[in-house]
């Protein structure tokens, strides 16, 4: 399917998936991932799915903010890494369905 044939929702899902893949590979920073996913969510119609998406985004945002505030952004503590990993996994699961 070409980009011209994609619906707006499909394009948003592709953007979110691409950003998550980039984060997993190290090509996309956590801050960029959060910003990309926020941009996607802001264009979604409010549904149960989009609210679940936002909840996992919020986990990432909070983890980043706390780590930044504590000066731990370069070396994230294990519990923060686990929270981020869980949220990223749930976002990937949402996008796969």
N, C-alpha and C. Protein backbone atom coordinates (compact mmCIF):
# COMPACT_ATOMS: atom_id res chain seq x y z
N UNK A 1 0.85 -1.17 0.00
CA UNK A 1 0.00 0.00 0.00
C UNK A 1 0.90 1.24 0.00
N UNK A 2 0.66 2.13 -0.95
CA UNK A 2 1.45 3.36 -1.02
C UNK A 2 0.94 4.37 0.00
N UNK A 3 1.74 5.37 0.25
CA UNK A 3 1.37 6.41 1.20
C UNK A 3 0.08 7.12 0.78
N UNK A 4 -0.11 7.25 -0.54
CA UNK A 4 -1.32 7.90 -1.05
C UNK A 4 -2.58 7.09 -0.78
N UNK A 5 -2.43 5.79 -0.63
CA UNK A 5 -3.57 4.91 -0.41
C UNK A 5 -3.91 4.74 1.07
N UNK A 6 -3.08 5.27 1.94
CA UNK A 6 -3.29 5.09 3.38
C UNK A 6 -4.31 6.11 3.90
N UNK A 7 -5.10 5.65 4.86
CA UNK A 7 -6.02 6.56 5.54
C UNK A 7 -5.22 7.40 6.54
N UNK A 8 -5.78 8.51 7.00
CA UNK A 8 -5.07 9.30 8.02
C UNK A 8 -4.72 8.48 9.26
N UNK A 9 -5.63 7.62 9.71
CA UNK A 9 -5.34 6.77 10.87
C UNK A 9 -4.19 5.81 10.59
N UNK A 10 -4.14 5.25 9.40
CA UNK A 10 -3.06 4.34 9.04
C UNK A 10 -1.72 5.08 9.04
N UNK A 11 -1.72 6.32 8.56
CA UNK A 11 -0.49 7.12 8.57
C UNK A 11 -0.03 7.39 10.00
N UNK A 12 -0.99 7.69 10.89
CA UNK A 12 -0.65 7.94 12.29
C UNK A 12 -0.09 6.68 12.95
N UNK A 13 -0.70 5.55 12.66
CA UNK A 13 -0.20 4.28 13.21
C UNK A 13 1.21 4.00 12.70
N UNK A 14 1.45 4.30 11.41
CA UNK A 14 2.77 4.09 10.84
C UNK A 14 3.79 5.01 11.50
N UNK A 15 3.43 6.26 11.73
CA UNK A 15 4.33 7.19 12.40
C UNK A 15 4.68 6.70 13.80
N UNK A 16 3.67 6.26 14.54
CA UNK A 16 3.90 5.76 15.90
C UNK A 16 4.78 4.50 15.86
N UNK A 17 4.48 3.59 14.98
CA UNK A 17 5.26 2.35 14.86
C UNK A 17 6.70 2.63 14.47
N UNK A 18 6.88 3.54 13.53
CA UNK A 18 8.22 3.90 13.07
C UNK A 18 9.02 4.53 14.21
N UNK A 19 8.39 5.38 14.98
CA UNK A 19 9.06 6.02 16.10
C UNK A 19 9.44 4.99 17.17
N UNK A 20 8.53 4.06 17.46
CA UNK A 20 8.82 3.01 18.43
C UNK A 20 9.97 2.12 17.96
N UNK A 21 9.97 1.77 16.69
CA UNK A 21 11.05 0.97 16.12
C UNK A 21 12.37 1.72 16.22
N UNK A 22 12.34 3.02 15.92
CA UNK A 22 13.53 3.84 16.03
C UNK A 22 14.04 3.93 17.45
N UNK A 23 13.12 4.01 18.40
CA UNK A 23 13.52 4.04 19.81
C UNK A 23 14.19 2.72 20.18
N UNK A 24 13.57 1.62 19.78
CA UNK A 24 14.14 0.30 20.11
C UNK A 24 15.55 0.13 19.54
N UNK A 25 15.77 0.70 18.35
CA UNK A 25 17.08 0.54 17.70
C UNK A 25 18.12 1.56 18.19
N UNK A 26 17.67 2.54 18.96
CA UNK A 26 18.58 3.56 19.46
C UNK A 26 18.68 4.78 18.56
N UNK A 27 17.94 4.78 17.46
CA UNK A 27 17.99 5.91 16.52
C UNK A 27 17.12 7.08 16.98
N UNK A 28 16.16 6.81 17.86
CA UNK A 28 15.24 7.83 18.35
C UNK A 28 15.39 7.92 19.86
N UNK A 29 15.58 9.13 20.36
CA UNK A 29 15.71 9.33 21.80
C UNK A 29 14.36 9.17 22.49
N UNK A 30 14.40 8.98 23.79
CA UNK A 30 13.15 8.89 24.56
C UNK A 30 12.35 10.17 24.41
N UNK A 31 13.00 11.33 24.47
CA UNK A 31 12.28 12.61 24.33
C UNK A 31 11.59 12.70 22.98
N UNK A 32 12.29 12.30 21.92
CA UNK A 32 11.71 12.34 20.58
C UNK A 32 10.53 11.36 20.47
N UNK A 33 10.68 10.17 21.05
CA UNK A 33 9.60 9.20 21.05
C UNK A 33 8.36 9.80 21.71
N UNK A 34 8.55 10.40 22.86
CA UNK A 34 7.43 11.01 23.59
C UNK A 34 6.78 12.09 22.74
N UNK A 35 7.58 12.93 22.12
CA UNK A 35 7.04 14.00 21.28
C UNK A 35 6.30 13.45 20.06
N UNK A 36 6.88 12.44 19.41
CA UNK A 36 6.22 11.83 18.25
C UNK A 36 4.88 11.21 18.63
N UNK A 37 4.86 10.47 19.73
CA UNK A 37 3.62 9.81 20.16
C UNK A 37 2.57 10.83 20.60
N UNK A 38 3.01 11.93 21.18
CA UNK A 38 2.09 13.00 21.56
C UNK A 38 1.46 13.61 20.30
N UNK A 39 2.27 13.83 19.28
CA UNK A 39 1.76 14.38 18.02
C UNK A 39 0.73 13.43 17.40
N UNK A 40 1.00 12.14 17.46
CA UNK A 40 0.04 11.15 16.94
C UNK A 40 -1.26 11.23 17.73
N UNK A 41 -1.16 11.18 19.05
CA UNK A 41 -2.36 11.18 19.89
C UNK A 41 -3.21 12.42 19.66
N UNK A 42 -2.56 13.56 19.47
CA UNK A 42 -3.29 14.81 19.27
C UNK A 42 -4.10 14.82 17.98
N UNK A 43 -3.81 13.92 17.09
CA UNK A 43 -4.54 13.84 15.82
C UNK A 43 -5.57 12.69 15.79
N UNK A 44 -5.60 11.91 16.85
CA UNK A 44 -6.54 10.78 16.90
C UNK A 44 -7.91 11.23 17.39
N UNK A 45 -8.92 10.56 16.91
CA UNK A 45 -10.27 10.75 17.43
C UNK A 45 -10.33 10.05 18.78
N UNK A 46 -11.02 10.65 19.73
CA UNK A 46 -11.10 10.08 21.07
C UNK A 46 -11.91 8.78 21.06
N UNK A 47 -11.21 7.71 21.42
CA UNK A 47 -11.83 6.38 21.52
C UNK A 47 -11.20 5.68 22.72
N UNK A 48 -11.71 4.53 23.05
CA UNK A 48 -11.08 3.76 24.12
C UNK A 48 -9.65 3.43 23.75
N UNK A 49 -9.42 3.09 22.48
CA UNK A 49 -8.07 2.76 22.00
C UNK A 49 -7.14 3.96 22.17
N UNK A 50 -7.58 5.15 21.75
CA UNK A 50 -6.72 6.33 21.84
C UNK A 50 -6.45 6.71 23.30
N UNK A 51 -7.42 6.47 24.17
CA UNK A 51 -7.20 6.77 25.59
C UNK A 51 -6.20 5.78 26.22
N UNK A 52 -6.24 4.53 25.78
CA UNK A 52 -5.25 3.56 26.26
C UNK A 52 -3.87 3.95 25.74
N UNK A 53 -3.79 4.36 24.49
CA UNK A 53 -2.55 4.85 23.89
C UNK A 53 -2.00 6.00 24.73
N UNK A 54 -2.87 6.95 25.08
CA UNK A 54 -2.46 8.12 25.85
C UNK A 54 -1.96 7.72 27.24
N UNK A 55 -2.59 6.73 27.84
CA UNK A 55 -2.16 6.27 29.15
C UNK A 55 -0.73 5.75 29.13
N UNK A 56 -0.39 4.99 28.10
CA UNK A 56 0.98 4.47 27.99
C UNK A 56 1.96 5.59 27.64
N UNK A 57 1.50 6.55 26.82
CA UNK A 57 2.32 7.73 26.55
C UNK A 57 2.61 8.47 27.86
N UNK A 58 1.59 8.60 28.70
CA UNK A 58 1.74 9.32 29.96
C UNK A 58 2.79 8.65 30.86
N UNK A 59 2.84 7.34 30.85
CA UNK A 59 3.87 6.61 31.61
C UNK A 59 5.26 7.03 31.13
N UNK A 60 5.43 7.11 29.81
CA UNK A 60 6.72 7.53 29.26
C UNK A 60 7.04 8.96 29.67
N UNK A 61 6.07 9.84 29.56
CA UNK A 61 6.26 11.25 29.90
C UNK A 61 6.66 11.41 31.37
N UNK A 62 5.96 10.70 32.24
CA UNK A 62 6.27 10.80 33.68
C UNK A 62 7.66 10.25 33.98
N UNK A 63 8.00 9.11 33.41
CA UNK A 63 9.31 8.51 33.65
C UNK A 63 10.41 9.46 33.19
N UNK A 64 10.23 10.06 32.03
CA UNK A 64 11.21 11.00 31.51
C UNK A 64 11.34 12.22 32.43
N UNK A 65 10.21 12.78 32.82
CA UNK A 65 10.21 13.99 33.65
C UNK A 65 10.89 13.74 35.00
N UNK A 66 10.60 12.61 35.62
CA UNK A 66 11.21 12.28 36.91
C UNK A 66 12.72 12.09 36.75
N UNK A 67 13.12 11.35 35.71
CA UNK A 67 14.55 11.11 35.48
C UNK A 67 15.27 12.42 35.18
N UNK A 68 14.66 13.28 34.41
CA UNK A 68 15.25 14.57 34.10
C UNK A 68 15.40 15.42 35.36
N UNK A 69 14.36 15.44 36.16
CA UNK A 69 14.37 16.21 37.41
C UNK A 69 15.45 15.73 38.37
N UNK A 70 15.67 14.43 38.39
CA UNK A 70 16.68 13.84 39.29
C UNK A 70 18.08 13.81 38.70
N UNK A 71 18.22 14.28 37.46
CA UNK A 71 19.52 14.25 36.80
C UNK A 71 19.94 12.86 36.39
N UNK A 72 18.97 11.97 36.16
CA UNK A 72 19.26 10.56 35.84
C UNK A 72 18.98 10.21 34.38
N UNK A 73 18.79 11.24 33.54
CA UNK A 73 18.37 10.97 32.17
C UNK A 73 19.43 10.21 31.36
N UNK A 74 20.70 10.40 31.69
CA UNK A 74 21.78 9.70 30.97
C UNK A 74 21.97 8.27 31.46
N UNK A 75 21.60 8.00 32.70
CA UNK A 75 21.74 6.66 33.28
C UNK A 75 20.45 6.36 34.05
N UNK A 76 19.46 5.89 33.33
CA UNK A 76 18.16 5.64 33.93
C UNK A 76 18.23 4.51 34.95
N UNK A 77 17.61 4.69 36.11
CA UNK A 77 17.54 3.61 37.09
C UNK A 77 16.72 2.42 36.55
N UNK A 78 16.96 1.27 37.09
CA UNK A 78 16.30 0.04 36.63
C UNK A 78 14.78 0.15 36.67
N UNK A 79 14.22 0.74 37.72
CA UNK A 79 12.76 0.83 37.82
C UNK A 79 12.18 1.74 36.73
N UNK A 80 12.89 2.78 36.40
CA UNK A 80 12.43 3.68 35.33
C UNK A 80 12.53 2.97 33.98
N UNK A 81 13.63 2.26 33.77
CA UNK A 81 13.79 1.49 32.53
C UNK A 81 12.66 0.46 32.39
N UNK A 82 12.30 -0.18 33.49
CA UNK A 82 11.22 -1.18 33.46
C UNK A 82 9.89 -0.52 33.11
N UNK A 83 9.61 0.65 33.68
CA UNK A 83 8.38 1.37 33.36
C UNK A 83 8.33 1.74 31.88
N UNK A 84 9.46 2.23 31.37
CA UNK A 84 9.54 2.61 29.96
C UNK A 84 9.36 1.39 29.07
N UNK A 85 10.05 0.32 29.40
CA UNK A 85 9.95 -0.91 28.60
C UNK A 85 8.51 -1.42 28.58
N UNK A 86 7.85 -1.39 29.73
CA UNK A 86 6.46 -1.83 29.79
C UNK A 86 5.55 -0.98 28.94
N UNK A 87 5.71 0.33 28.99
CA UNK A 87 4.87 1.24 28.20
C UNK A 87 5.14 1.07 26.71
N UNK A 88 6.41 0.95 26.34
CA UNK A 88 6.75 0.75 24.93
C UNK A 88 6.15 -0.57 24.42
N UNK A 89 6.26 -1.61 25.21
CA UNK A 89 5.67 -2.90 24.82
C UNK A 89 4.16 -2.82 24.66
N UNK A 90 3.50 -2.13 25.55
CA UNK A 90 2.04 -1.98 25.45
C UNK A 90 1.65 -1.14 24.23
N UNK A 91 2.43 -0.11 23.93
CA UNK A 91 2.15 0.70 22.74
C UNK A 91 2.34 -0.15 21.46
N UNK A 92 3.38 -0.96 21.45
CA UNK A 92 3.59 -1.85 20.29
C UNK A 92 2.43 -2.83 20.16
N UNK A 93 1.96 -3.35 21.28
CA UNK A 93 0.83 -4.27 21.26
C UNK A 93 -0.41 -3.57 20.71
N UNK A 94 -0.66 -2.38 21.15
CA UNK A 94 -1.81 -1.62 20.66
C UNK A 94 -1.74 -1.40 19.15
N UNK A 95 -0.56 -1.07 18.67
CA UNK A 95 -0.38 -0.77 17.26
C UNK A 95 -0.44 -2.02 16.39
N UNK A 96 -0.19 -3.17 16.98
CA UNK A 96 -0.25 -4.44 16.23
C UNK A 96 -1.68 -4.91 16.03
N UNK A 97 -2.61 -4.37 16.80
CA UNK A 97 -4.00 -4.81 16.71
C UNK A 97 -4.83 -3.85 15.91
